[in-house]
C-alpha atoms as a PDB file:
ATOM      1  CA  MET A   1      98.630  41.582 112.425  1.00  0.00           C
ATOM      2  CA  THR A   2     101.889  41.709 114.470  1.00  0.00           C
ATOM      3  CA  ARG A   3     102.516  43.404 117.858  1.00  0.00           C
ATOM      4  CA  SER A   4     104.969  45.908 116.134  1.00  0.00           C
ATOM      5  CA  TYR A   5     102.361  46.884 113.645  1.00  0.00           C
ATOM      6  CA  GLN A   6      99.767  47.198 116.036  1.00  0.00           C
ATOM      7  CA  SER A   7     101.865  49.701 118.265  1.00  0.00           C
ATOM      8  CA  LEU A   8     102.967  51.649 115.120  1.00  0.00           C
ATOM      9  CA  ILE A   9      99.194  52.198 114.463  1.00  0.00           C
ATOM     10  CA  ALA A  10      98.363  53.090 118.048  1.00  0.00           C
ATOM     11  CA  ALA A  11     101.464  55.636 118.005  1.00  0.00           C
ATOM     12  CA  THR A  12      99.932  57.291 114.773  1.00  0.00           C
ATOM     13  CA  LEU A  13      96.627  57.822 116.182  1.00  0.00           C
ATOM     14  CA  ILE A  14      98.108  59.308 119.376  1.00  0.00           C
ATOM     15  CA  LEU A  15     100.223  61.718 117.183  1.00  0.00           C
ATOM     16  CA  CYS A  16      97.120  62.520 115.263  1.00  0.00           C
ATOM     17  CA  CYS A  17      95.159  63.369 118.249  1.00  0.00           C
ATOM     18  CA  GLN A  18      97.802  65.545 119.394  1.00  0.00           C
ATOM     19  CA  PHE A  19      97.892  67.606 116.349  1.00  0.00           C
ATOM     20  CA  SER A  20      94.078  68.008 116.680  1.00  0.00           C
ATOM     21  CA  ILE A  21      94.082  69.062 119.928  1.00  0.00           C
ATOM     22  CA  ALA A  22      96.698  71.398 119.302  1.00  0.00           C
ATOM     23  CA  GLY A  23      95.030  72.893 116.212  1.00  0.00           C
ATOM     24  CA  GLU A  24      91.789  73.361 118.295  1.00  0.00           C
ATOM     25  CA  LYS A  25      93.584  75.405 120.810  1.00  0.00           C
ATOM     26  CA  ALA A  26      95.119  77.687 118.127  1.00  0.00           C
ATOM     27  CA  PRO A  27      92.621  78.019 115.377  1.00  0.00           C
ATOM     28  CA  ARG A  28      93.539  80.324 112.282  1.00  0.00           C
ATOM     29  CA  ARG A  29      92.014  83.646 112.346  1.00  0.00           C
ATOM     30  CA  ALA A  30      89.466  84.431 109.356  1.00  0.00           C
ATOM     31  CA  PHE A  31      90.802  87.862 108.104  1.00  0.00           C
ATOM     32  CA  ILE A  32      88.595  89.762 105.353  1.00  0.00           C
ATOM     33  CA  ASP A  33      91.162  91.342 103.239  1.00  0.00           C
ATOM     34  CA  GLY A  34      88.786  93.174 101.001  1.00  0.00           C
ATOM     35  CA  THR A  35      89.289  91.188  97.760  1.00  0.00           C
ATOM     36  CA  GLY A  36      86.898  89.807  95.523  1.00  0.00           C
ATOM     37  CA  PRO A  37      83.645  91.344  93.425  1.00  0.00           C
ATOM     38  CA  GLY A  38      82.372  94.595  94.574  1.00  0.00           C
ATOM     39  CA  TRP A  39      85.352  95.722  96.768  1.00  0.00           C
ATOM     40  CA  VAL A  40      86.919  99.044  95.786  1.00  0.00           C
ATOM     41  CA  THR A  41      90.092 100.875  97.119  1.00  0.00           C
ATOM     42  CA  LEU A  42      89.694 104.355  98.540  1.00  0.00           C
ATOM     43  CA  THR A  43      92.288 107.042  97.533  1.00  0.00           C
ATOM     44  CA  GLU A  44      92.793 110.557  97.314  1.00  0.00           C
ATOM     45  CA  LYS A  45      90.063 111.000  94.782  1.00  0.00           C
ATOM     46  CA  ASP A  46      87.439 109.639  96.933  1.00  0.00           C
ATOM     47  CA  PHE A  47      88.220 112.074 100.055  1.00  0.00           C
ATOM     48  CA  VAL A  48      87.486 115.617 100.407  1.00  0.00           C
ATOM     49  CA  ASP A  49      89.082 117.636 103.448  1.00  0.00           C
ATOM     50  CA  VAL A  50      86.677 119.488 105.606  1.00  0.00           C
ATOM     51  CA  ASN A  51      88.694 121.644 108.198  1.00  0.00           C
ATOM     52  CA  GLY A  52      92.161 120.500 107.819  1.00  0.00           C
ATOM     53  CA  THR A  53      95.142 122.356 105.953  1.00  0.00           C
ATOM     54  CA  GLU A  54      97.055 121.288 103.006  1.00  0.00           C
ATOM     55  CA  ASP A  55      99.585 119.416 105.299  1.00  0.00           C
ATOM     56  CA  THR A  56      96.849 117.632 107.360  1.00  0.00           C
ATOM     57  CA  TRP A  57      96.400 114.553 104.941  1.00  0.00           C
ATOM     58  CA  GLN A  58      98.918 113.279 102.727  1.00  0.00           C
ATOM     59  CA  PHE A  59      98.022 110.596 100.072  1.00  0.00           C
ATOM     60  CA  ASP A  60     100.384 108.060  98.419  1.00  0.00           C
ATOM     61  CA  GLY A  61      97.846 105.758  96.555  1.00  0.00           C
ATOM     62  CA  ALA A  62      96.197 103.579  99.058  1.00  0.00           C
ATOM     63  CA  TYR A  63      98.332 104.822 101.821  1.00  0.00           C
ATOM     64  CA  ILE A  64      97.300 107.941 103.739  1.00  0.00           C
ATOM     65  CA  THR A  65      98.970 109.953 106.312  1.00  0.00           C
ATOM     66  CA  GLY A  66      97.312 112.289 108.937  1.00  0.00           C
ATOM     67  CA  SER A  67      99.328 114.851 110.826  1.00  0.00           C
ATOM     68  CA  GLY A  68      96.960 115.215 113.566  1.00  0.00           C
ATOM     69  CA  VAL A  69      96.874 118.829 113.298  1.00  0.00           C
ATOM     70  CA  PRO A  70      94.413 120.529 113.310  1.00  0.00           C
ATOM     71  CA  ILE A  71      92.156 118.604 115.130  1.00  0.00           C
ATOM     72  CA  GLY A  72      89.178 117.745 112.330  1.00  0.00           C
ATOM     73  CA  VAL A  73      88.413 115.354 109.585  1.00  0.00           C
ATOM     74  CA  ASN A  74      88.191 114.622 106.045  1.00  0.00           C
ATOM     75  CA  ARG A  75      85.178 113.048 104.363  1.00  0.00           C
ATOM     76  CA  THR A  76      84.577 110.689 101.752  1.00  0.00           C
ATOM     77  CA  VAL A  77      83.031 112.234  98.592  1.00  0.00           C
ATOM     78  CA  LYS A  78      79.850 110.013  98.409  1.00  0.00           C
ATOM     79  CA  GLU A  79      77.601 108.825 101.266  1.00  0.00           C
ATOM     80  CA  TYR A  80      77.175 105.254 102.181  1.00  0.00           C
ATOM     81  CA  LYS A  81      74.278 103.479 103.913  1.00  0.00           C
ATOM     82  CA  ASN A  82      75.083  99.497 103.855  1.00  0.00           C
ATOM     83  CA  PHE A  83      78.579  98.360 103.375  1.00  0.00           C
ATOM     84  CA  GLU A  84      81.647  96.610 104.758  1.00  0.00           C
ATOM     85  CA  ILE A  85      85.090  98.133 104.942  1.00  0.00           C
ATOM     86  CA  VAL A  86      88.520  96.730 105.936  1.00  0.00           C
ATOM     87  CA  TYR A  87      91.621  99.055 106.685  1.00  0.00           C
ATOM     88  CA  GLU A  88      94.748  99.096 108.515  1.00  0.00           C
ATOM     89  CA  TRP A  89      95.812 102.032 110.959  1.00  0.00           C
ATOM     90  CA  MET A  90      99.015 102.560 112.889  1.00  0.00           C
ATOM     91  CA  HIS A  91     100.040 105.370 115.499  1.00  0.00           C
ATOM     92  CA  LEU A  92     103.460 106.309 115.193  1.00  0.00           C
ATOM     93  CA  LYS A  93     103.731 107.802 118.774  1.00  0.00           C
ATOM     94  CA  GLU A  94     102.622 106.561 122.266  1.00  0.00           C
ATOM     95  CA  ALA A  95      98.874 107.886 123.438  1.00  0.00           C
ATOM     96  CA  GLY A  96      98.093 108.503 119.781  1.00  0.00           C
ATOM     97  CA  ASN A  97      94.105 109.210 119.263  1.00  0.00           C
ATOM     98  CA  SER A  98      92.198 108.901 115.971  1.00  0.00           C
ATOM     99  CA  GLY A  99      89.552 106.860 114.490  1.00  0.00           C
ATOM    100  CA  MET A 100      86.748 106.491 111.686  1.00  0.00           C
ATOM    101  CA  PHE A 101      83.430 108.024 111.683  1.00  0.00           C
ATOM    102  CA  LEU A 102      80.361 106.297 110.062  1.00  0.00           C
ATOM    103  CA  TRP A 103      77.189 107.904 108.854  1.00  0.00           C
ATOM    104  CA  VAL A 104      78.232 111.582 109.560  1.00  0.00           C
ATOM    105  CA  GLN A 105      75.559 114.135 108.463  1.00  0.00           C
ATOM    106  CA  LYS A 106      76.333 116.800 106.079  1.00  0.00           C
ATOM    107  CA  ASP A 107      74.902 119.650 108.268  1.00  0.00           C
ATOM    108  CA  ALA A 108      77.316 118.570 111.131  1.00  0.00           C
ATOM    109  CA  LEU A 109      80.441 118.943 108.472  1.00  0.00           C
ATOM    110  CA  ASP A 110      79.292 122.257 107.030  1.00  0.00           C
ATOM    111  CA  VAL A 111      79.703 123.933 110.243  1.00  0.00           C
ATOM    112  CA  LEU A 112      83.012 122.728 111.270  1.00  0.00           C
ATOM    113  CA  LYS A 113      85.996 125.175 112.040  1.00  0.00           C
ATOM    114  CA  PRO A 114      89.556 123.922 112.416  1.00  0.00           C
ATOM    115  CA  ASN A 115      90.031 122.060 115.677  1.00  0.00           C
ATOM    116  CA  GLN A 116      86.593 120.825 115.814  1.00  0.00           C
ATOM    117  CA  LEU A 117      85.180 117.212 115.329  1.00  0.00           C
ATOM    118  CA  PRO A 118      81.643 116.541 114.134  1.00  0.00           C
ATOM    119  CA  ARG A 119      78.874 116.146 116.455  1.00  0.00           C
ATOM    120  CA  SER A 120      77.391 113.433 114.488  1.00  0.00           C
ATOM    121  CA  GLY A 121      78.123 109.753 113.576  1.00  0.00           C
ATOM    122  CA  ILE A 122      79.207 106.626 114.981  1.00  0.00           C
ATOM    123  CA  GLU A 123      83.038 106.426 115.785  1.00  0.00           C
ATOM    124  CA  ILE A 124      85.180 103.377 115.484  1.00  0.00           C
ATOM    125  CA  GLN A 125      88.159 104.452 117.824  1.00  0.00           C
ATOM    126  CA  ALA A 126      91.793 103.889 117.048  1.00  0.00           C
ATOM    127  CA  LEU A 127      93.382 104.676 120.221  1.00  0.00           C
ATOM    128  CA  ASP A 128      97.154 103.560 121.334  1.00  0.00           C
ATOM    129  CA  HIS A 129      97.420 101.838 124.580  1.00  0.00           C
ATOM    130  CA  GLY A 130      99.477 104.717 125.987  1.00  0.00           C
ATOM    131  CA  TYR A 131      96.430 106.944 125.819  1.00  0.00           C
ATOM    132  CA  ALA A 132      95.272 105.299 128.850  1.00  0.00           C
ATOM    133  CA  THR A 133      98.509 105.292 130.804  1.00  0.00           C
ATOM    134  CA  ARG A 134      98.710 109.249 130.328  1.00  0.00           C
ATOM    135  CA  PHE A 135      94.980 109.714 131.368  1.00  0.00           C
ATOM    136  CA  GLU A 136      95.657 107.888 134.521  1.00  0.00           C
ATOM    137  CA  LYS A 137      99.014 109.793 135.131  1.00  0.00           C
ATOM    138  CA  GLN A 138      97.159 113.328 134.239  1.00  0.00           C
ATOM    139  CA  ASN A 139      94.086 112.735 136.252  1.00  0.00           C
ATOM    140  CA  GLY A 140      95.054 110.466 139.052  1.00  0.00           C
ATOM    141  CA  LYS A 141      92.271 107.975 138.524  1.00  0.00           C
ATOM    142  CA  LYS A 142      91.752 104.824 136.429  1.00  0.00           C
ATOM    143  CA  ALA A 143      90.691 105.053 132.827  1.00  0.00           C
ATOM    144  CA  GLU A 144      87.325 103.193 133.318  1.00  0.00           C
ATOM    145  CA  TRP A 145      85.135 105.044 130.807  1.00  0.00           C
ATOM    146  CA  PHE A 146      87.089 104.137 127.807  1.00  0.00           C
ATOM    147  CA  THR A 147      89.404 101.129 126.332  1.00  0.00           C
ATOM    148  CA  THR A 148      92.138 101.049 123.846  1.00  0.00           C
ATOM    149  CA  ASN A 149      91.100  98.061 121.905  1.00  0.00           C
ATOM    150  CA  GLY A 150      88.166  99.271 119.685  1.00  0.00           C
ATOM    151  CA  ASP A 151      85.519 101.062 121.273  1.00  0.00           C
ATOM    152  CA  VAL A 152      82.168 101.858 119.473  1.00  0.00           C
ATOM    153  CA  PHE A 153      80.046 104.880 120.082  1.00  0.00           C
ATOM    154  CA  ALA A 154      77.594 107.480 119.013  1.00  0.00           C
ATOM    155  CA  VAL A 155      78.953 111.083 118.533  1.00  0.00           C
ATOM    156  CA  GLY A 156      76.532 114.037 119.249  1.00  0.00           C
ATOM    157  CA  LYS A 157      73.097 113.821 117.820  1.00  0.00           C
ATOM    158  CA  SER A 158      73.472 110.371 116.652  1.00  0.00           C
ATOM    159  CA  THR A 159      72.158 107.637 118.572  1.00  0.00           C
ATOM    160  CA  PHE A 160      72.806 103.710 118.897  1.00  0.00           C
ATOM    161  CA  LYS A 161      72.109 100.804 121.141  1.00  0.00           C
ATOM    162  CA  PRO A 162      75.796  99.437 122.261  1.00  0.00           C
ATOM    163  CA  PHE A 163      76.540  95.800 122.374  1.00  0.00           C
ATOM    164  CA  LYS A 164      77.755  94.542 125.801  1.00  0.00           C
ATOM    165  CA  PRO A 165      79.977  94.915 127.590  1.00  0.00           C
ATOM    166  CA  THR A 166      79.668  98.544 127.747  1.00  0.00           C
ATOM    167  CA  SER A 167      81.234 101.569 129.480  1.00  0.00           C
ATOM    168  CA  PRO A 168      80.093 102.350 132.893  1.00  0.00           C
ATOM    169  CA  ASN A 169      77.598 105.022 131.624  1.00  0.00           C
ATOM    170  CA  GLY A 170      76.235 102.677 128.906  1.00  0.00           C
ATOM    171  CA  SER A 171      77.355 104.902 126.204  1.00  0.00           C
ATOM    172  CA  ARG A 172      80.058 102.854 124.422  1.00  0.00           C
ATOM    173  CA  SER A 173      80.385  99.266 123.228  1.00  0.00           C
ATOM    174  CA  PHE A 174      83.620  97.887 125.072  1.00  0.00           C
ATOM    175  CA  PRO A 175      85.579  95.083 123.258  1.00  0.00           C
ATOM    176  CA  ARG A 176      84.894  91.612 124.388  1.00  0.00           C
ATOM    177  CA  LYS A 177      88.698  90.833 123.899  1.00  0.00           C
ATOM    178  CA  ASN A 178      91.928  93.122 124.113  1.00  0.00           C
ATOM    179  CA  LEU A 179      93.217  92.423 120.786  1.00  0.00           C
ATOM    180  CA  GLY A 180      94.714  95.898 119.856  1.00  0.00           C
ATOM    181  CA  LYS A 181      98.465  96.397 118.872  1.00  0.00           C
ATOM    182  CA  GLY A 182     100.528  99.290 120.252  1.00  0.00           C
ATOM    183  CA  HIS A 183     101.978 102.144 118.273  1.00  0.00           C
ATOM    184  CA  GLY A 184     104.450 101.432 115.691  1.00  0.00           C
ATOM    185  CA  GLN A 185     102.348  98.243 114.808  1.00  0.00           C
ATOM    186  CA  TRP A 186      99.522  97.770 112.145  1.00  0.00           C
ATOM    187  CA  ASN A 187      96.135  96.943 113.327  1.00  0.00           C
ATOM    188  CA  HIS A 188      93.494  95.488 111.109  1.00  0.00           C
ATOM    189  CA  TYR A 189      89.894  96.611 111.434  1.00  0.00           C
ATOM    190  CA  TYR A 190      86.957  95.037 109.568  1.00  0.00           C
ATOM    191  CA  VAL A 191      83.641  96.922 110.070  1.00  0.00           C
ATOM    192  CA  ARG A 192      80.235  95.751 108.689  1.00  0.00           C
ATOM    193  CA  ALA A 193      77.484  98.230 108.922  1.00  0.00           C
ATOM    194  CA  ILE A 194      74.105  97.140 107.681  1.00  0.00           C
ATOM    195  CA  ASN A 195      70.598  98.476 108.428  1.00  0.00           C
ATOM    196  CA  GLY A 196      71.781 100.582 111.352  1.00  0.00           C
ATOM    197  CA  GLU A 197      73.774  97.769 112.953  1.00  0.00           C
ATOM    198  CA  VAL A 198      77.461  98.242 113.104  1.00  0.00           C
ATOM    199  CA  ARG A 199      80.238  95.449 113.994  1.00  0.00           C
ATOM    200  CA  LEU A 200      83.864  95.746 114.440  1.00  0.00           C
ATOM    201  CA  TRP A 201      86.402  92.941 114.151  1.00  0.00           C
ATOM    202  CA  VAL A 202      89.832  93.970 115.568  1.00  0.00           C
ATOM    203  CA  ASN A 203      92.918  91.903 113.994  1.00  0.00           C
ATOM    204  CA  GLY A 204      90.538  88.931 113.049  1.00  0.00           C
ATOM    205  CA  GLU A 205      87.959  88.969 115.707  1.00  0.00           C
ATOM    206  CA  GLU A 206      84.793  90.479 116.458  1.00  0.00           C
ATOM    207  CA  VAL A 207      84.978  92.340 119.435  1.00  0.00           C
ATOM    208  CA  SER A 208      82.279  95.238 119.672  1.00  0.00           C
ATOM    209  CA  GLY A 209      79.489  97.241 117.836  1.00  0.00           C
ATOM    210  CA  GLY A 210      75.964  98.208 118.387  1.00  0.00           C
ATOM    211  CA  SER A 211      72.347  98.387 116.740  1.00  0.00           C
ATOM    212  CA  ASP A 212      69.491 100.909 116.035  1.00  0.00           C
ATOM    213  CA  CYS A 213      72.201 103.502 114.829  1.00  0.00           C
ATOM    214  CA  LYS A 214      70.301 106.755 113.931  1.00  0.00           C
ATOM    215  CA  PRO A 215      70.804 108.120 111.315  1.00  0.00           C
ATOM    216  CA  SER A 216      72.153 105.148 109.254  1.00  0.00           C
ATOM    217  CA  GLN A 217      73.257 106.860 106.288  1.00  0.00           C
ATOM    218  CA  GLY A 218      76.021 109.481 105.528  1.00  0.00           C
ATOM    219  CA  TYR A 219      79.573 110.173 104.945  1.00  0.00           C
ATOM    220  CA  LEU A 220      82.870 108.402 106.419  1.00  0.00           C
ATOM    221  CA  CYS A 221      85.342 110.329 107.865  1.00  0.00           C
ATOM    222  CA  LEU A 222      89.174 110.057 109.006  1.00  0.00           C
ATOM    223  CA  GLU A 223      89.835 111.497 112.254  1.00  0.00           C
ATOM    224  CA  ALA A 224      92.782 113.922 112.795  1.00  0.00           C
ATOM    225  CA  GLU A 225      93.434 114.413 116.843  1.00  0.00           C
ATOM    226  CA  GLY A 226      96.638 115.642 117.573  1.00  0.00           C
ATOM    227  CA  SER A 227      98.967 112.821 116.716  1.00  0.00           C
ATOM    228  CA  GLU A 228     100.247 111.441 113.473  1.00  0.00           C
ATOM    229  CA  ILE A 229      98.131 108.565 112.225  1.00  0.00           C
ATOM    230  CA  HIS A 230      98.791 106.258 109.037  1.00  0.00           C
ATOM    231  CA  PHE A 231      96.123 104.394 107.177  1.00  0.00           C
ATOM    232  CA  ARG A 232      96.535 101.822 104.252  1.00  0.00           C
ATOM    233  CA  ASN A 233      94.490  99.738 102.225  1.00  0.00           C
ATOM    234  CA  ILE A 234      91.007 101.177 102.982  1.00  0.00           C
ATOM    235  CA  ARG A 235      88.683  98.915 100.982  1.00  0.00           C
ATOM    236  CA  ILE A 236      85.123  99.193 100.937  1.00  0.00           C
ATOM    237  CA  ARG A 237      82.251  97.136  99.422  1.00  0.00           C
ATOM    238  CA  GLU A 238      78.530  98.542  99.273  1.00  0.00           C
ATOM    239  CA  LEU A 239      75.861  96.331 100.115  1.00  0.00           C
ATOM    240  CA  PRO A 240      72.041  96.250  99.294  1.00  0.00           C
END
């Protein structure tokens, strides 16, 4: 083997190692896109308005627009127990607030009036980063009890055990990474809810969740909370 050929092999090995190292530093994220057996798309026929007006929720196939007014929710036609769901959401304005409720009980929905939210369920929060900025400006203190990157928490009479890290009072599961995108950009959420355990992936990475959710069966609800919110491609697959 000639010296020039040996040098060529050595250079090739170095180049391959560099590509391998670069690949390890920036691995591709495994997005679950809700395709395959068992997945179904939720559209207008799959939702029922609870305490809004005819203008609160607008449907265009798999694209859902919420005006945010009045504060309240719509719910799925059917109840769910074990499932996985993927969806994208985007706030149009700074400081927007919305989310999805899991396992909401019927009696908590039957009593709702306009400008009320159900006191039941597990909320998967969808909060714009500007909400924290506005909170701190209005209250003169740091926003420590919530984040804007995918908090998960129990609402009202529902209970759960949040995964760490948690909020200072221990009621919320805080995200392990800050992966949320700001208003005007789409966020991708994947939620897996099985046997009372909830896990949330934000833009391709698992960040928060909790276990021992009670109740662990009920309706799914989209939240209107004062600001325009867009959802698209909500796809769900029920699990045993």
